[in-house]
């Protein structure tokens, strides 16, 4: 069977092995699946593989396959736990230094106050302190994720779940893409409902991309490298 002008998809490997090989629309790629794979992989009505990531040359399961949304969420939560002690320490130190200057938590107007002015309630300063500590911690988390992904290919949470973000071409993410991916994710939480929509998008997307993935053309895959080394960065 010839595949000249055939759309990019998985086809029977021309080497006669009985497995599948990915045709990118112009040439055969190095992506292959063993003969037993088609028996349990989902296919469409025309017999073509229909799992998420098939159009990218990704297998349905195993190393190199698109990571499950549950694994992505768990990795994100683990990364938050990594920096949580920083937030707690920062908040405690800031409160110990600033709290004596806050004044009463719920001030009242004294009858001998002629102008009837009330000092700013102390609980407002507590809120400001918590927000400022959270903002500083968020910036640290942004830097941590950018450096970890660009230099090592994954954060600690991703490493523990054996997943990593890569460019759709398979190359590791550059510094610019790593920063953009992390910044868009964290900034989205300041834009109302978009902060919730962003991480949920991968549940129905055919590439399992969240919105921050789509902006920088990244996907998250099951880790291929046993030693945790990052791949070559893309040129962007």
C-alpha atoms as a PDB file:
ATOM      1  CA  UNK A   1       0.000   0.000   0.000  1.00  0.00           C
ATOM      2  CA  UNK A   2       1.331   3.455  -0.866  1.00  0.00           C
ATOM      3  CA  UNK A   3       0.920   6.421   1.454  1.00  0.00           C
ATOM      4  CA  UNK A   4       1.812   9.191  -0.973  1.00  0.00           C
ATOM      5  CA  UNK A   5      -0.494  12.141  -0.205  1.00  0.00           C
ATOM      6  CA  UNK A   6      -2.043  10.184   2.667  1.00  0.00           C
ATOM      7  CA  UNK A   7      -2.896  12.243   5.782  1.00  0.00           C
ATOM      8  CA  UNK A   8      -0.652  12.012   8.816  1.00  0.00           C
ATOM      9  CA  UNK A   9      -1.687   8.998  10.905  1.00  0.00           C
ATOM     10  CA  UNK A  10      -0.680   5.508  11.995  1.00  0.00           C
ATOM     11  CA  UNK A  11      -0.499   2.877   9.243  1.00  0.00           C
ATOM     12  CA  UNK A  12       0.730  -0.679   8.876  1.00  0.00           C
ATOM     13  CA  UNK A  13       4.505  -0.639   8.972  1.00  0.00           C
ATOM     14  CA  UNK A  14       5.896  -1.235   5.445  1.00  0.00           C
ATOM     15  CA  UNK A  15       8.703  -3.348   6.925  1.00  0.00           C
ATOM     16  CA  UNK A  16       6.244  -6.233   7.196  1.00  0.00           C
ATOM     17  CA  UNK A  17       6.508  -6.581  10.980  1.00  0.00           C
ATOM     18  CA  UNK A  18       2.748  -6.451  11.401  1.00  0.00           C
ATOM     19  CA  UNK A  19       2.964  -3.394  13.668  1.00  0.00           C
ATOM     20  CA  UNK A  20       2.099   0.234  13.076  1.00  0.00           C
ATOM     21  CA  UNK A  21       4.305   3.110  12.003  1.00  0.00           C
ATOM     22  CA  UNK A  22       3.539   6.831  12.019  1.00  0.00           C
ATOM     23  CA  UNK A  23       3.351   8.618   8.637  1.00  0.00           C
ATOM     24  CA  UNK A  24       3.687  12.424   9.139  1.00  0.00           C
ATOM     25  CA  UNK A  25       2.138  13.269   5.768  1.00  0.00           C
ATOM     26  CA  UNK A  26       5.441  13.323   3.910  1.00  0.00           C
ATOM     27  CA  UNK A  27       7.769  10.590   5.236  1.00  0.00           C
ATOM     28  CA  UNK A  28       7.749   7.660   7.624  1.00  0.00           C
ATOM     29  CA  UNK A  29       8.847   8.639  11.138  1.00  0.00           C
ATOM     30  CA  UNK A  30      10.684   6.591  13.746  1.00  0.00           C
ATOM     31  CA  UNK A  31       7.525   6.110  15.830  1.00  0.00           C
ATOM     32  CA  UNK A  32       6.544   2.433  15.795  1.00  0.00           C
ATOM     33  CA  UNK A  33       4.055   0.274  17.673  1.00  0.00           C
ATOM     34  CA  UNK A  34       4.414  -3.496  18.121  1.00  0.00           C
ATOM     35  CA  UNK A  35       2.030  -5.920  16.352  1.00  0.00           C
ATOM     36  CA  UNK A  36       0.053  -6.645  19.514  1.00  0.00           C
ATOM     37  CA  UNK A  37      -0.746  -2.975  20.122  1.00  0.00           C
ATOM     38  CA  UNK A  38      -3.709  -2.578  17.697  1.00  0.00           C
ATOM     39  CA  UNK A  39      -5.703  -5.273  19.501  1.00  0.00           C
ATOM     40  CA  UNK A  40      -6.373  -3.083  22.525  1.00  0.00           C
ATOM     41  CA  UNK A  41      -5.792   0.457  21.258  1.00  0.00           C
ATOM     42  CA  UNK A  42      -8.943   2.446  20.333  1.00  0.00           C
ATOM     43  CA  UNK A  43      -9.676   2.921  16.633  1.00  0.00           C
ATOM     44  CA  UNK A  44     -12.234   4.898  14.690  1.00  0.00           C
ATOM     45  CA  UNK A  45     -14.793   3.514  12.211  1.00  0.00           C
ATOM     46  CA  UNK A  46     -12.126   3.418   9.456  1.00  0.00           C
ATOM     47  CA  UNK A  47      -9.703   1.395  11.560  1.00  0.00           C
ATOM     48  CA  UNK A  48      -7.378   4.323  12.273  1.00  0.00           C
ATOM     49  CA  UNK A  49      -5.985   4.843  15.790  1.00  0.00           C
ATOM     50  CA  UNK A  50      -8.154   7.356  17.643  1.00  0.00           C
ATOM     51  CA  UNK A  51      -6.495   7.802  21.041  1.00  0.00           C
ATOM     52  CA  UNK A  52      -5.495  11.273  22.183  1.00  0.00           C
ATOM     53  CA  UNK A  53      -2.073  12.102  20.824  1.00  0.00           C
ATOM     54  CA  UNK A  54      -2.224   9.670  17.891  1.00  0.00           C
ATOM     55  CA  UNK A  55      -2.068  12.587  15.433  1.00  0.00           C
ATOM     56  CA  UNK A  56       1.185  13.671  17.095  1.00  0.00           C
ATOM     57  CA  UNK A  57       2.800  10.275  16.703  1.00  0.00           C
ATOM     58  CA  UNK A  58       2.334   9.467  20.381  1.00  0.00           C
ATOM     59  CA  UNK A  59       1.424   5.972  21.608  1.00  0.00           C
ATOM     60  CA  UNK A  60      -1.792   5.409  23.549  1.00  0.00           C
ATOM     61  CA  UNK A  61      -0.084   4.273  26.738  1.00  0.00           C
ATOM     62  CA  UNK A  62       3.383   3.905  28.222  1.00  0.00           C
ATOM     63  CA  UNK A  63       6.497   6.064  27.832  1.00  0.00           C
ATOM     64  CA  UNK A  64       5.974   8.951  25.423  1.00  0.00           C
ATOM     65  CA  UNK A  65       2.175   8.830  25.645  1.00  0.00           C
ATOM     66  CA  UNK A  66       0.249  11.924  26.710  1.00  0.00           C
ATOM     67  CA  UNK A  67       0.117  12.131  30.498  1.00  0.00           C
ATOM     68  CA  UNK A  68      -3.183  11.519  32.255  1.00  0.00           C
ATOM     69  CA  UNK A  69      -4.895  14.665  33.637  1.00  0.00           C
ATOM     70  CA  UNK A  70      -4.890  13.108  37.103  1.00  0.00           C
ATOM     71  CA  UNK A  71      -1.117  12.761  37.036  1.00  0.00           C
ATOM     72  CA  UNK A  72      -0.762  16.370  35.924  1.00  0.00           C
ATOM     73  CA  UNK A  73      -2.961  17.585  38.779  1.00  0.00           C
ATOM     74  CA  UNK A  74      -1.109  15.461  41.333  1.00  0.00           C
ATOM     75  CA  UNK A  75       2.249  16.782  40.111  1.00  0.00           C
ATOM     76  CA  UNK A  76       0.988  20.360  40.377  1.00  0.00           C
ATOM     77  CA  UNK A  77      -0.215  19.792  43.950  1.00  0.00           C
ATOM     78  CA  UNK A  78       3.122  18.231  44.910  1.00  0.00           C
ATOM     79  CA  UNK A  79       4.957  21.269  43.558  1.00  0.00           C
ATOM     80  CA  UNK A  80       2.727  23.529  45.646  1.00  0.00           C
ATOM     81  CA  UNK A  81       3.590  21.434  48.710  1.00  0.00           C
ATOM     82  CA  UNK A  82       7.287  21.888  47.902  1.00  0.00           C
ATOM     83  CA  UNK A  83       7.057  25.667  48.292  1.00  0.00           C
ATOM     84  CA  UNK A  84       4.366  25.685  51.001  1.00  0.00           C
ATOM     85  CA  UNK A  85       6.952  25.788  53.840  1.00  0.00           C
ATOM     86  CA  UNK A  86       8.410  28.923  52.236  1.00  0.00           C
ATOM     87  CA  UNK A  87       5.006  30.619  52.425  1.00  0.00           C
ATOM     88  CA  UNK A  88       4.477  29.570  56.049  1.00  0.00           C
ATOM     89  CA  UNK A  89       7.919  30.782  57.171  1.00  0.00           C
ATOM     90  CA  UNK A  90       7.578  34.044  55.258  1.00  0.00           C
ATOM     91  CA  UNK A  91       4.115  34.698  56.686  1.00  0.00           C
ATOM     92  CA  UNK A  92       5.132  33.962  60.277  1.00  0.00           C
ATOM     93  CA  UNK A  93       8.237  36.161  60.115  1.00  0.00           C
ATOM     94  CA  UNK A  94       6.309  39.020  58.504  1.00  0.00           C
ATOM     95  CA  UNK A  95       3.522  38.849  61.071  1.00  0.00           C
ATOM     96  CA  UNK A  96       5.977  38.775  63.979  1.00  0.00           C
ATOM     97  CA  UNK A  97       7.661  41.913  62.658  1.00  0.00           C
ATOM     98  CA  UNK A  98       4.595  43.836  61.499  1.00  0.00           C
ATOM     99  CA  UNK A  99       1.804  42.723  63.873  1.00  0.00           C
ATOM    100  CA  UNK A 100       2.781  45.103  66.745  1.00  0.00           C
ATOM    101  CA  UNK A 101       2.160  48.026  64.372  1.00  0.00           C
ATOM    102  CA  UNK A 102      -1.273  46.874  63.171  1.00  0.00           C
ATOM    103  CA  UNK A 103      -3.287  48.312  66.035  1.00  0.00           C
ATOM    104  CA  UNK A 104      -6.599  46.824  67.261  1.00  0.00           C
ATOM    105  CA  UNK A 105      -8.074  44.053  65.139  1.00  0.00           C
ATOM    106  CA  UNK A 106     -11.568  45.599  65.487  1.00  0.00           C
ATOM    107  CA  UNK A 107     -11.124  49.234  66.628  1.00  0.00           C
ATOM    108  CA  UNK A 108     -14.011  51.192  68.125  1.00  0.00           C
ATOM    109  CA  UNK A 109     -14.752  54.917  68.177  1.00  0.00           C
ATOM    110  CA  UNK A 110     -14.173  56.486  71.557  1.00  0.00           C
ATOM    111  CA  UNK A 111     -16.701  59.013  72.843  1.00  0.00           C
ATOM    112  CA  UNK A 112     -13.917  61.515  73.532  1.00  0.00           C
ATOM    113  CA  UNK A 113     -12.778  61.464  69.899  1.00  0.00           C
ATOM    114  CA  UNK A 114     -14.151  64.712  68.511  1.00  0.00           C
ATOM    115  CA  UNK A 115     -13.703  63.859  64.861  1.00  0.00           C
ATOM    116  CA  UNK A 116     -15.005  60.296  65.239  1.00  0.00           C
ATOM    117  CA  UNK A 117     -12.256  58.815  63.036  1.00  0.00           C
ATOM    118  CA  UNK A 118     -11.510  55.111  63.329  1.00  0.00           C
ATOM    119  CA  UNK A 119      -8.052  53.673  62.631  1.00  0.00           C
ATOM    120  CA  UNK A 120      -7.779  51.093  59.883  1.00  0.00           C
ATOM    121  CA  UNK A 121      -8.793  47.738  61.380  1.00  0.00           C
ATOM    122  CA  UNK A 122      -5.895  45.440  62.150  1.00  0.00           C
ATOM    123  CA  UNK A 123      -7.492  42.501  60.370  1.00  0.00           C
ATOM    124  CA  UNK A 124      -7.136  44.382  57.058  1.00  0.00           C
ATOM    125  CA  UNK A 125      -3.382  44.563  57.600  1.00  0.00           C
ATOM    126  CA  UNK A 126      -3.401  40.833  58.358  1.00  0.00           C
ATOM    127  CA  UNK A 127      -5.113  40.226  55.013  1.00  0.00           C
ATOM    128  CA  UNK A 128      -2.565  42.440  53.261  1.00  0.00           C
ATOM    129  CA  UNK A 129       0.287  40.535  54.912  1.00  0.00           C
ATOM    130  CA  UNK A 130      -1.140  37.155  53.870  1.00  0.00           C
ATOM    131  CA  UNK A 131      -1.680  38.371  50.293  1.00  0.00           C
ATOM    132  CA  UNK A 132       1.833  39.821  50.071  1.00  0.00           C
ATOM    133  CA  UNK A 133       3.366  36.597  51.400  1.00  0.00           C
ATOM    134  CA  UNK A 134       1.317  34.567  48.909  1.00  0.00           C
ATOM    135  CA  UNK A 135       2.389  36.878  46.060  1.00  0.00           C
ATOM    136  CA  UNK A 136       6.085  36.530  46.916  1.00  0.00           C
ATOM    137  CA  UNK A 137       5.692  32.753  47.217  1.00  0.00           C
ATOM    138  CA  UNK A 138       3.915  32.671  43.850  1.00  0.00           C
ATOM    139  CA  UNK A 139       6.807  34.526  42.223  1.00  0.00           C
ATOM    140  CA  UNK A 140       9.214  32.029  43.762  1.00  0.00           C
ATOM    141  CA  UNK A 141       7.082  29.180  42.428  1.00  0.00           C
ATOM    142  CA  UNK A 142       7.131  30.787  38.974  1.00  0.00           C
ATOM    143  CA  UNK A 143      10.931  30.979  39.054  1.00  0.00           C
ATOM    144  CA  UNK A 144      11.225  27.440  40.410  1.00  0.00           C
ATOM    145  CA  UNK A 145       9.036  25.968  37.666  1.00  0.00           C
ATOM    146  CA  UNK A 146      10.787  27.933  34.913  1.00  0.00           C
ATOM    147  CA  UNK A 147      14.289  26.859  35.963  1.00  0.00           C
ATOM    148  CA  UNK A 148      13.296  23.250  36.710  1.00  0.00           C
ATOM    149  CA  UNK A 149      11.555  22.685  33.375  1.00  0.00           C
ATOM    150  CA  UNK A 150      14.088  24.551  31.202  1.00  0.00           C
ATOM    151  CA  UNK A 151      17.191  23.094  32.848  1.00  0.00           C
ATOM    152  CA  UNK A 152      16.097  19.640  34.033  1.00  0.00           C
ATOM    153  CA  UNK A 153      13.006  18.920  31.935  1.00  0.00           C
ATOM    154  CA  UNK A 154      10.579  18.700  34.874  1.00  0.00           C
ATOM    155  CA  UNK A 155       9.798  19.943  38.352  1.00  0.00           C
ATOM    156  CA  UNK A 156      10.049  17.734  41.440  1.00  0.00           C
ATOM    157  CA  UNK A 157       6.332  17.002  41.311  1.00  0.00           C
ATOM    158  CA  UNK A 158       6.569  15.998  37.652  1.00  0.00           C
ATOM    159  CA  UNK A 159       9.611  13.827  38.360  1.00  0.00           C
ATOM    160  CA  UNK A 160       7.784  11.995  41.150  1.00  0.00           C
ATOM    161  CA  UNK A 161       4.867  11.301  38.788  1.00  0.00           C
ATOM    162  CA  UNK A 162       7.234  10.467  35.875  1.00  0.00           C
ATOM    163  CA  UNK A 163       5.855  13.085  33.471  1.00  0.00           C
ATOM    164  CA  UNK A 164       7.422  16.041  31.684  1.00  0.00           C
ATOM    165  CA  UNK A 165       6.318  18.927  29.427  1.00  0.00           C
ATOM    166  CA  UNK A 166       7.841  19.054  25.943  1.00  0.00           C
ATOM    167  CA  UNK A 167       7.284  20.925  22.718  1.00  0.00           C
ATOM    168  CA  UNK A 168       4.837  19.198  20.366  1.00  0.00           C
ATOM    169  CA  UNK A 169       7.870  18.308  18.239  1.00  0.00           C
ATOM    170  CA  UNK A 170       9.243  16.286  21.160  1.00  0.00           C
ATOM    171  CA  UNK A 171      12.062  18.705  21.988  1.00  0.00           C
ATOM    172  CA  UNK A 172      12.567  20.011  25.506  1.00  0.00           C
ATOM    173  CA  UNK A 173      11.116  23.414  26.310  1.00  0.00           C
ATOM    174  CA  UNK A 174      13.352  26.449  25.959  1.00  0.00           C
ATOM    175  CA  UNK A 175      13.747  29.024  28.713  1.00  0.00           C
ATOM    176  CA  UNK A 176      11.252  31.319  27.012  1.00  0.00           C
ATOM    177  CA  UNK A 177       8.590  28.654  26.601  1.00  0.00           C
ATOM    178  CA  UNK A 178       9.168  27.357  30.133  1.00  0.00           C
ATOM    179  CA  UNK A 179       8.698  30.841  31.574  1.00  0.00           C
ATOM    180  CA  UNK A 180       5.680  31.580  29.374  1.00  0.00           C
ATOM    181  CA  UNK A 181       4.013  28.281  30.264  1.00  0.00           C
ATOM    182  CA  UNK A 182       4.435  28.819  34.005  1.00  0.00           C
ATOM    183  CA  UNK A 183       3.565  32.536  33.923  1.00  0.00           C
ATOM    184  CA  UNK A 184       0.356  32.047  31.935  1.00  0.00           C
ATOM    185  CA  UNK A 185      -0.805  29.308  34.304  1.00  0.00           C
ATOM    186  CA  UNK A 186      -0.277  31.347  37.478  1.00  0.00           C
ATOM    187  CA  UNK A 187      -1.513  34.632  36.018  1.00  0.00           C
ATOM    188  CA  UNK A 188      -4.715  32.950  34.815  1.00  0.00           C
ATOM    189  CA  UNK A 189      -5.836  32.603  38.438  1.00  0.00           C
ATOM    190  CA  UNK A 190      -6.058  36.402  38.636  1.00  0.00           C
ATOM    191  CA  UNK A 191      -8.494  36.486  35.683  1.00  0.00           C
ATOM    192  CA  UNK A 192     -11.556  34.986  37.332  1.00  0.00           C
ATOM    193  CA  UNK A 193     -13.018  31.840  35.801  1.00  0.00           C
ATOM    194  CA  UNK A 194     -10.143  31.487  33.309  1.00  0.00           C
ATOM    195  CA  UNK A 195      -7.992  30.266  36.186  1.00  0.00           C
ATOM    196  CA  UNK A 196     -10.333  27.297  36.578  1.00  0.00           C
ATOM    197  CA  UNK A 197     -10.895  26.752  32.858  1.00  0.00           C
ATOM    198  CA  UNK A 198      -7.163  26.582  32.072  1.00  0.00           C
ATOM    199  CA  UNK A 199      -6.299  23.343  33.951  1.00  0.00           C
ATOM    200  CA  UNK A 200      -9.655  21.737  33.074  1.00  0.00           C
ATOM    201  CA  UNK A 201      -9.156  22.219  29.322  1.00  0.00           C
ATOM    202  CA  UNK A 202      -6.959  19.114  29.027  1.00  0.00           C
ATOM    203  CA  UNK A 203      -9.918  16.912  30.045  1.00  0.00           C
ATOM    204  CA  UNK A 204     -11.553  17.268  26.614  1.00  0.00           C
ATOM    205  CA  UNK A 205      -8.723  18.520  24.402  1.00  0.00           C
ATOM    206  CA  UNK A 206      -7.594  15.999  21.752  1.00  0.00           C
ATOM    207  CA  UNK A 207      -3.954  16.723  22.663  1.00  0.00           C
ATOM    208  CA  UNK A 208      -4.634  16.947  26.408  1.00  0.00           C
ATOM    209  CA  UNK A 209      -3.339  20.494  26.341  1.00  0.00           C
ATOM    210  CA  UNK A 210      -4.312  23.054  28.946  1.00  0.00           C
ATOM    211  CA  UNK A 211      -4.684  26.630  27.756  1.00  0.00           C
ATOM    212  CA  UNK A 212      -1.171  27.520  28.901  1.00  0.00           C
ATOM    213  CA  UNK A 213       0.104  24.558  26.851  1.00  0.00           C
ATOM    214  CA  UNK A 214      -1.627  25.808  23.720  1.00  0.00           C
ATOM    215  CA  UNK A 215      -0.021  29.244  23.995  1.00  0.00           C
ATOM    216  CA  UNK A 216       3.528  27.823  23.988  1.00  0.00           C
ATOM    217  CA  UNK A 217       2.809  24.669  21.893  1.00  0.00           C
ATOM    218  CA  UNK A 218       3.655  22.261  24.704  1.00  0.00           C
ATOM    219  CA  UNK A 219       2.292  18.842  25.636  1.00  0.00           C
ATOM    220  CA  UNK A 220       2.877  16.754  28.756  1.00  0.00           C
ATOM    221  CA  UNK A 221       4.035  13.180  28.222  1.00  0.00           C
ATOM    222  CA  UNK A 222       4.948  10.162  30.299  1.00  0.00           C
ATOM    223  CA  UNK A 223       8.670  10.376  30.925  1.00  0.00           C
ATOM    224  CA  UNK A 224      10.946   8.647  28.434  1.00  0.00           C
ATOM    225  CA  UNK A 225      14.176   9.240  30.336  1.00  0.00           C
ATOM    226  CA  UNK A 226      14.961   6.989  33.286  1.00  0.00           C
ATOM    227  CA  UNK A 227      17.751   9.254  34.488  1.00  0.00           C
ATOM    228  CA  UNK A 228      15.573  12.387  34.492  1.00  0.00           C
ATOM    229  CA  UNK A 229      17.779  14.256  32.055  1.00  0.00           C
ATOM    230  CA  UNK A 230      16.047  16.903  29.994  1.00  0.00           C
ATOM    231  CA  UNK A 231      15.900  16.765  26.217  1.00  0.00           C
ATOM    232  CA  UNK A 232      17.416  19.272  23.832  1.00  0.00           C
ATOM    233  CA  UNK A 233      15.663  22.609  23.958  1.00  0.00           C
ATOM    234  CA  UNK A 234      13.660  23.834  21.005  1.00  0.00           C
ATOM    235  CA  UNK A 235      15.000  26.875  19.153  1.00  0.00           C
ATOM    236  CA  UNK A 236      12.270  29.305  20.278  1.00  0.00           C
END
